[in-house]
Amino acid sequence: MRDSEFFGHVTAVAPGKVNMSLRVGPLREDGYHEVATLYLAVSLQEEVSVVPRDDEAITLSLSERSAFTAAPIDDPDVDDASASGVPLDERNLAHRAASTLRGRLGLRRGVDITLTKNVPVAGGMGGGSADAAATLVACSALWEAGLTKEQLAETGAELGADVPFAILGGAAVGQGVGDELSPLLTRGELHLVIVPAAAGLSTPQVYRRLDTMRAESAVEAEAPRLDPDLVRALCTTDAELIATLMANDLQAPAVSLIPSLEDMLDAGLVDGALQGIVSGSGPTLVFLARDAESAGQVATRLQERTSVWAIPVTAPAPGARLLTT
């Protein structure tokens, strides 16, 4: 008897991510930008449970245990449903992941998907991609597909640039649109503090603002390139050196859209962080701390002084995986 038949469900988790460096090149003909980024999976993770259905429907629901369920976005190109919360239909990457995997396997089975969201919504940490990654792992087990992580990452690449990394986890250099991954071997552990924002930012909106700011300043985008010293520092988890080399080309446009982010970044440094940065397209902030004790102190001080929610996390974290029942 299969585990899924005995227990009636399969559960998987997948990590959120931060970009310790994100360099953005010129706009491509396909509407995307070339990037060079340094991905780091963190211990904040999404949880996905799947239950087989008797029909072919795919349904989505949010668990009451979810820490994040909504993030209002002030972007005229984002519809109200997407802006007000997590879509529970075909727009959701988890729904698309189940549908894509089912098609690849040639199956005609339905599934009920329950998301427990612990990664900020529309926060630049790849929460939706983590949902898709966990859904692929869970459905692969539920349907006894026998796919390797590499095969699941290949399927995940059809869904979005961040999905393959959420499947593999750890640390990696991302190139192309972020989906060309070169995993890194790391030793040791980094300690970070995540600060979610009350409102979200849509990734296309932030990239558009970057293009506008570059045009207004007559700055010509160059081919993106990561600092090799930063890559080496991440592999040795040298927090003090990493702090001097972190960079994000999307930080200025994100701050221009939500100016209060700059004050929060300054507050984190005052409260003891080695460095702070906007995560990906934002508006979630990530602060690098010297050690676990320092991370706890930074989080506590930020919460006391600014009333924000500051979450200590560790990295690198493992990729998408099944939870044993």
Protein backbone atom coordinates (compact mmCIF):
# COMPACT_ATOMS: atom_id res chain seq x y z
CA MET A 1 0.00 0.00 0.00
CA ARG A 2 1.31 3.44 -0.89
CA ASP A 3 1.89 5.98 1.90
CA SER A 4 -0.51 8.38 0.18
CA GLU A 5 -3.25 5.73 0.23
CA PHE A 6 -2.69 4.94 3.90
CA PHE A 7 -2.43 8.50 5.18
CA GLY A 8 -4.63 10.12 2.50
CA HIS A 9 -2.22 12.98 1.83
CA VAL A 10 1.36 13.93 1.02
CA THR A 11 3.06 17.02 2.45
CA ALA A 12 6.17 18.80 1.18
CA VAL A 13 8.02 21.97 2.12
CA ALA A 14 10.18 24.35 0.08
CA PRO A 15 12.30 27.33 1.15
CA GLY A 16 11.94 31.02 0.46
CA LYS A 17 15.02 32.71 -0.94
CA VAL A 18 16.95 35.94 -0.72
CA ASN A 19 19.25 37.45 -3.31
CA MET A 20 22.56 38.36 -1.69
CA SER A 21 23.42 40.09 -4.95
CA LEU A 22 21.23 40.90 -7.95
CA ARG A 23 22.68 42.54 -11.04
CA VAL A 24 20.28 43.42 -13.84
CA GLY A 25 21.27 43.82 -17.47
CA PRO A 26 19.43 45.43 -20.38
CA LEU A 27 15.88 44.63 -21.42
CA ARG A 28 15.75 41.71 -23.84
CA GLU A 29 13.55 41.34 -26.90
CA ASP A 30 11.36 38.83 -25.05
CA GLY A 31 10.52 41.43 -22.39
CA TYR A 32 12.76 39.97 -19.70
CA HIS A 33 16.09 41.20 -18.35
CA GLU A 34 19.38 39.34 -18.22
CA VAL A 35 20.39 38.92 -14.60
CA ALA A 36 23.28 37.62 -12.56
CA THR A 37 22.21 36.77 -9.05
CA LEU A 38 23.38 34.98 -5.95
CA TYR A 39 20.53 32.91 -4.54
CA LEU A 40 20.43 31.81 -0.92
CA ALA A 41 17.66 29.54 0.41
CA VAL A 42 16.50 30.42 3.94
CA SER A 43 14.85 28.49 6.75
CA LEU A 44 11.53 30.29 6.23
CA GLN A 45 9.55 27.76 4.21
CA GLU A 46 6.23 27.13 2.51
CA GLU A 47 4.27 23.94 3.25
CA VAL A 48 2.03 22.20 0.72
CA SER A 49 -0.29 19.24 1.35
CA VAL A 50 -1.96 17.35 -1.49
CA VAL A 51 -4.90 14.94 -1.32
CA PRO A 52 -6.09 12.82 -4.28
CA ARG A 53 -9.55 13.45 -5.74
CA ASP A 54 -11.98 11.11 -7.48
CA ASP A 55 -12.36 13.55 -10.40
CA GLU A 56 -9.89 15.59 -12.48
CA ALA A 57 -10.33 18.92 -10.67
CA ILE A 58 -7.42 20.80 -9.10
CA THR A 59 -8.45 22.87 -6.08
CA LEU A 60 -6.49 25.26 -3.88
CA SER A 61 -7.06 26.44 -0.32
CA LEU A 62 -5.10 28.35 2.32
CA SER A 63 -4.38 26.80 5.68
CA GLU A 64 -5.44 28.72 8.77
CA ARG A 65 -1.83 28.31 9.92
CA SER A 66 -0.63 30.65 7.15
CA ALA A 67 1.41 33.61 8.41
CA PHE A 68 0.92 35.58 5.19
CA THR A 69 -2.23 35.66 3.08
CA ALA A 70 -2.32 39.12 1.46
CA ALA A 71 -0.17 42.01 0.29
CA PRO A 72 -1.92 45.04 -1.27
CA ILE A 73 -0.05 46.17 -4.38
CA ASP A 74 -0.29 49.69 -5.79
CA ASP A 75 0.23 48.80 -9.44
CA PRO A 76 -2.34 49.61 -12.16
CA ASP A 77 -1.22 46.57 -14.15
CA VAL A 78 -2.05 44.15 -11.33
CA ASP A 79 -5.72 43.16 -11.03
CA ASP A 80 -7.57 43.55 -7.75
CA ALA A 81 -7.77 39.83 -6.99
CA SER A 82 -4.04 39.33 -7.30
CA ALA A 83 -3.34 42.46 -5.30
CA SER A 84 -5.64 41.68 -2.40
CA GLY A 85 -4.46 38.16 -1.63
CA VAL A 86 -3.22 34.80 -2.83
CA PRO A 87 -5.15 33.67 -5.93
CA LEU A 88 -6.77 30.27 -5.50
CA ASP A 89 -7.26 29.43 -9.16
CA GLU A 90 -5.23 28.84 -12.33
CA ARG A 91 -3.17 32.01 -11.70
CA ASN A 92 -1.50 30.39 -8.69
CA LEU A 93 1.84 28.75 -9.43
CA ALA A 94 0.94 25.75 -7.27
CA HIS A 95 -2.13 25.10 -9.44
CA ARG A 96 -0.03 25.44 -12.58
CA ALA A 97 2.63 23.13 -11.12
CA ALA A 98 0.12 20.34 -10.50
CA SER A 99 -1.43 20.81 -13.93
CA THR A 100 1.94 20.88 -15.70
CA LEU A 101 3.23 17.78 -13.92
CA ARG A 102 -0.01 15.91 -14.55
CA GLY A 103 0.25 16.71 -18.26
CA ARG A 104 3.88 15.62 -18.39
CA LEU A 105 2.97 12.30 -16.76
CA GLY A 106 -0.07 11.80 -19.01
CA LEU A 107 -2.41 11.41 -16.05
CA ARG A 108 -6.06 12.32 -15.60
CA ARG A 109 -6.19 12.74 -11.85
CA GLY A 110 -7.39 15.55 -9.64
CA VAL A 111 -5.87 16.87 -6.45
CA ASP A 112 -6.77 19.14 -3.53
CA ILE A 113 -3.86 21.42 -2.62
CA THR A 114 -3.57 23.19 0.74
CA LEU A 115 -0.97 25.95 1.11
CA THR A 116 0.53 27.04 4.41
CA LYS A 117 2.24 30.31 3.57
CA ASN A 118 5.13 31.34 5.80
CA VAL A 119 7.01 33.40 3.19
CA PRO A 120 5.86 37.02 2.61
CA VAL A 121 3.41 37.46 -0.29
CA ALA A 122 4.69 39.70 -3.13
CA GLY A 123 7.80 40.28 -1.04
CA GLY A 124 10.64 39.34 -3.38
CA MET A 125 11.39 36.06 -1.58
CA GLY A 126 9.94 33.62 -4.11
CA GLY A 127 7.05 32.38 -1.97
CA GLY A 128 4.92 31.51 -4.98
CA SER A 129 7.85 29.67 -6.55
CA ALA A 130 8.36 27.75 -3.31
CA ASP A 131 4.67 26.75 -3.43
CA ALA A 132 5.17 25.45 -6.96
CA ALA A 133 8.33 23.58 -5.98
CA ALA A 134 6.68 21.91 -2.99
CA THR A 135 3.63 21.05 -5.11
CA LEU A 136 5.83 19.34 -7.72
CA VAL A 137 7.58 17.28 -5.05
CA ALA A 138 4.33 16.38 -3.28
CA CYS A 139 2.40 15.48 -6.43
CA SER A 140 5.33 13.50 -7.80
CA ALA A 141 5.20 11.38 -4.64
CA LEU A 142 1.40 11.19 -4.60
CA TRP A 143 1.34 9.98 -8.21
CA GLU A 144 4.42 7.73 -7.75
CA ALA A 145 6.17 9.45 -10.65
CA GLY A 146 9.68 8.55 -9.46
CA LEU A 147 11.14 11.82 -10.77
CA THR A 148 14.52 13.08 -9.56
CA LYS A 149 15.02 16.59 -8.23
CA GLU A 150 16.79 17.48 -11.46
CA GLN A 151 13.78 16.30 -13.51
CA LEU A 152 11.41 18.23 -11.25
CA ALA A 153 13.61 21.33 -11.60
CA GLU A 154 13.36 20.98 -15.38
CA THR A 155 9.57 20.95 -15.12
CA GLY A 156 9.73 23.84 -12.66
CA ALA A 157 11.65 25.98 -15.14
CA GLU A 158 8.52 26.04 -17.30
CA LEU A 159 6.69 27.78 -14.44
CA GLY A 160 9.14 30.50 -13.47
CA ALA A 161 12.80 31.38 -13.05
CA ASP A 162 12.81 30.91 -9.26
CA VAL A 163 11.12 27.49 -9.17
CA PRO A 164 14.19 25.35 -10.01
CA PHE A 165 16.17 26.99 -7.20
CA ALA A 166 13.35 26.38 -4.70
CA ILE A 167 13.53 22.71 -5.64
CA LEU A 168 17.31 22.47 -5.30
CA GLY A 169 17.84 24.91 -2.40
CA GLY A 170 21.21 25.71 -0.85
CA ALA A 171 23.11 28.46 -2.62
CA ALA A 172 23.55 29.04 -6.33
CA VAL A 173 24.56 31.52 -8.98
CA GLY A 174 21.64 32.29 -11.28
CA GLN A 175 22.09 33.61 -14.82
CA GLY A 176 19.94 34.15 -17.90
CA VAL A 177 16.61 35.21 -16.39
CA GLY A 178 17.71 33.55 -13.15
CA ASP A 179 16.91 29.98 -14.19
CA GLU A 180 20.40 28.93 -15.32
CA LEU A 181 21.71 27.64 -12.01
CA SER A 182 25.24 26.85 -10.88
CA PRO A 183 24.98 25.33 -7.38
CA LEU A 184 27.62 26.40 -4.84
CA LEU A 185 29.25 24.29 -2.16
CA THR A 186 29.11 26.16 1.13
CA ARG A 187 30.37 25.48 4.61
CA GLY A 188 29.04 26.99 7.77
CA GLU A 189 25.84 28.93 8.36
CA LEU A 190 24.70 32.52 7.87
CA HIS A 191 22.29 34.31 10.19
CA LEU A 192 19.79 36.75 8.71
CA VAL A 193 16.81 38.80 9.81
CA ILE A 194 13.83 39.06 7.46
CA VAL A 195 11.56 42.11 7.70
CA PRO A 196 8.33 41.81 5.64
CA ALA A 197 6.61 44.97 4.43
CA ALA A 198 2.92 45.72 4.98
CA ALA A 199 2.41 46.21 1.22
CA GLY A 200 3.74 44.21 -1.71
CA LEU A 201 5.45 45.12 -4.96
CA SER A 202 4.86 43.42 -8.28
CA THR A 203 8.10 42.27 -9.88
CA PRO A 204 7.28 43.73 -13.34
CA GLN A 205 6.52 47.09 -11.72
CA VAL A 206 9.96 47.24 -10.08
CA TYR A 207 11.75 46.29 -13.30
CA ARG A 208 9.80 48.96 -15.19
CA ARG A 209 10.86 51.54 -12.62
CA LEU A 210 14.49 50.45 -13.02
CA ASP A 211 14.27 50.92 -16.79
CA THR A 212 12.69 54.35 -16.30
CA MET A 213 15.33 55.47 -13.80
CA ARG A 214 18.12 54.32 -16.10
CA ALA A 215 16.58 56.15 -19.08
CA GLU A 216 16.13 59.35 -17.08
CA SER A 217 19.77 59.20 -15.96
CA ALA A 218 21.05 58.21 -19.43
CA VAL A 219 22.60 55.10 -17.89
CA GLU A 220 23.14 52.26 -20.36
CA ALA A 221 22.70 48.84 -18.79
CA GLU A 222 25.68 46.53 -19.09
CA ALA A 223 25.86 42.76 -19.15
CA PRO A 224 25.28 41.67 -15.54
CA ARG A 225 28.20 40.23 -13.61
CA LEU A 226 28.59 39.02 -10.04
CA ASP A 227 31.54 40.00 -7.90
CA PRO A 228 33.69 36.83 -7.68
CA ASP A 229 34.87 37.86 -4.20
CA LEU A 230 31.25 37.77 -3.02
CA VAL A 231 30.77 34.27 -4.43
CA ARG A 232 33.88 33.06 -2.60
CA ALA A 233 32.80 34.78 0.61
CA LEU A 234 29.41 33.10 0.45
CA CYS A 235 31.00 29.69 -0.03
CA THR A 236 33.01 30.20 3.17
CA THR A 237 30.06 31.99 4.90
CA ASP A 238 32.32 34.93 5.74
CA ALA A 239 29.58 37.25 7.03
CA GLU A 240 31.75 40.35 7.46
CA LEU A 241 33.14 40.16 3.91
CA ILE A 242 29.71 39.36 2.43
CA ALA A 243 28.35 42.48 4.13
CA THR A 244 30.77 44.69 2.20
CA LEU A 245 29.85 43.17 -1.18
CA MET A 246 26.04 42.73 -1.11
CA ALA A 247 24.29 44.66 -3.91
CA ASN A 248 20.89 44.83 -5.61
CA ASP A 249 20.17 46.83 -8.76
CA LEU A 250 16.44 46.65 -7.92
CA GLN A 251 16.87 48.29 -4.52
CA ALA A 252 16.75 51.90 -5.78
CA PRO A 253 13.54 51.39 -7.79
CA ALA A 254 11.93 49.48 -4.91
CA VAL A 255 12.81 52.28 -2.47
CA SER A 256 11.48 54.88 -4.92
CA LEU A 257 8.13 53.05 -4.87
CA ILE A 258 8.11 52.58 -1.07
CA PRO A 259 10.38 55.32 0.39
CA SER A 260 9.92 54.07 3.97
CA LEU A 261 12.16 51.10 3.09
CA GLU A 262 15.20 53.37 3.29
CA ASP A 263 14.41 54.36 6.87
CA MET A 264 13.98 50.71 7.82
CA LEU A 265 17.31 49.79 6.23
CA ASP A 266 18.99 52.52 8.26
CA ALA A 267 17.25 51.30 11.43
CA GLY A 268 18.57 47.78 10.96
CA LEU A 269 22.15 49.04 10.71
CA VAL A 270 21.70 51.17 13.81
CA ASP A 271 20.38 48.10 15.63
CA GLY A 272 23.48 46.05 14.90
CA ALA A 273 23.12 44.43 11.47
CA LEU A 274 26.27 44.12 9.39
CA GLN A 275 24.33 45.11 6.26
CA GLY A 276 20.79 45.38 4.95
CA ILE A 277 19.37 44.95 1.47
CA VAL A 278 16.08 44.73 -0.38
CA SER A 279 15.39 41.07 -1.17
CA GLY A 280 14.96 40.55 -4.91
CA SER A 281 12.32 42.93 -6.24
CA GLY A 282 11.25 43.75 -2.68
CA PRO A 283 9.80 45.07 -0.57
CA THR A 284 10.94 42.47 2.01
CA LEU A 285 14.22 43.47 3.61
CA VAL A 286 17.01 41.12 4.67
CA PHE A 287 19.66 42.01 7.23
CA LEU A 288 22.90 40.08 7.63
CA ALA A 289 24.02 39.49 11.22
CA ARG A 290 27.35 38.39 12.64
CA ASP A 291 25.96 35.31 14.42
CA ALA A 292 22.78 33.78 15.85
CA GLU A 293 22.87 35.91 19.01
CA SER A 294 23.32 39.09 17.00
CA ALA A 295 20.45 38.14 14.68
CA GLY A 296 18.16 37.68 17.66
CA GLN A 297 19.19 41.05 19.07
CA VAL A 298 18.68 42.85 15.74
CA ALA A 299 15.21 41.32 15.38
CA THR A 300 14.20 42.24 18.93
CA ARG A 301 15.47 45.81 18.66
CA LEU A 302 13.79 46.38 15.31
CA GLN A 303 10.47 45.10 16.62
CA GLU A 304 10.66 47.20 19.77
CA ARG A 305 11.68 50.39 17.99
CA THR A 306 9.59 50.22 14.82
CA SER A 307 6.78 47.72 15.62
CA VAL A 308 7.66 45.69 12.51
CA TRP A 309 7.74 41.92 12.36
CA ALA A 310 11.41 40.86 12.23
CA ILE A 311 12.15 37.16 11.74
CA PRO A 312 15.57 35.59 12.44
CA VAL A 313 16.41 32.86 9.90
CA THR A 314 19.38 30.74 8.94
CA ALA A 315 20.87 29.92 5.54
CA PRO A 316 21.58 28.08 3.37
CA ALA A 317 18.52 25.85 3.73
CA PRO A 318 17.71 22.60 1.89
CA GLY A 319 15.47 22.59 -1.17
CA ALA A 320 11.97 21.19 -1.57
CA ARG A 321 11.47 17.90 0.23
CA LEU A 322 8.80 15.58 1.57
CA LEU A 323 7.78 15.73 5.21
CA THR A 324 7.58 12.32 6.81
CA THR A 325 4.18 11.54 8.24
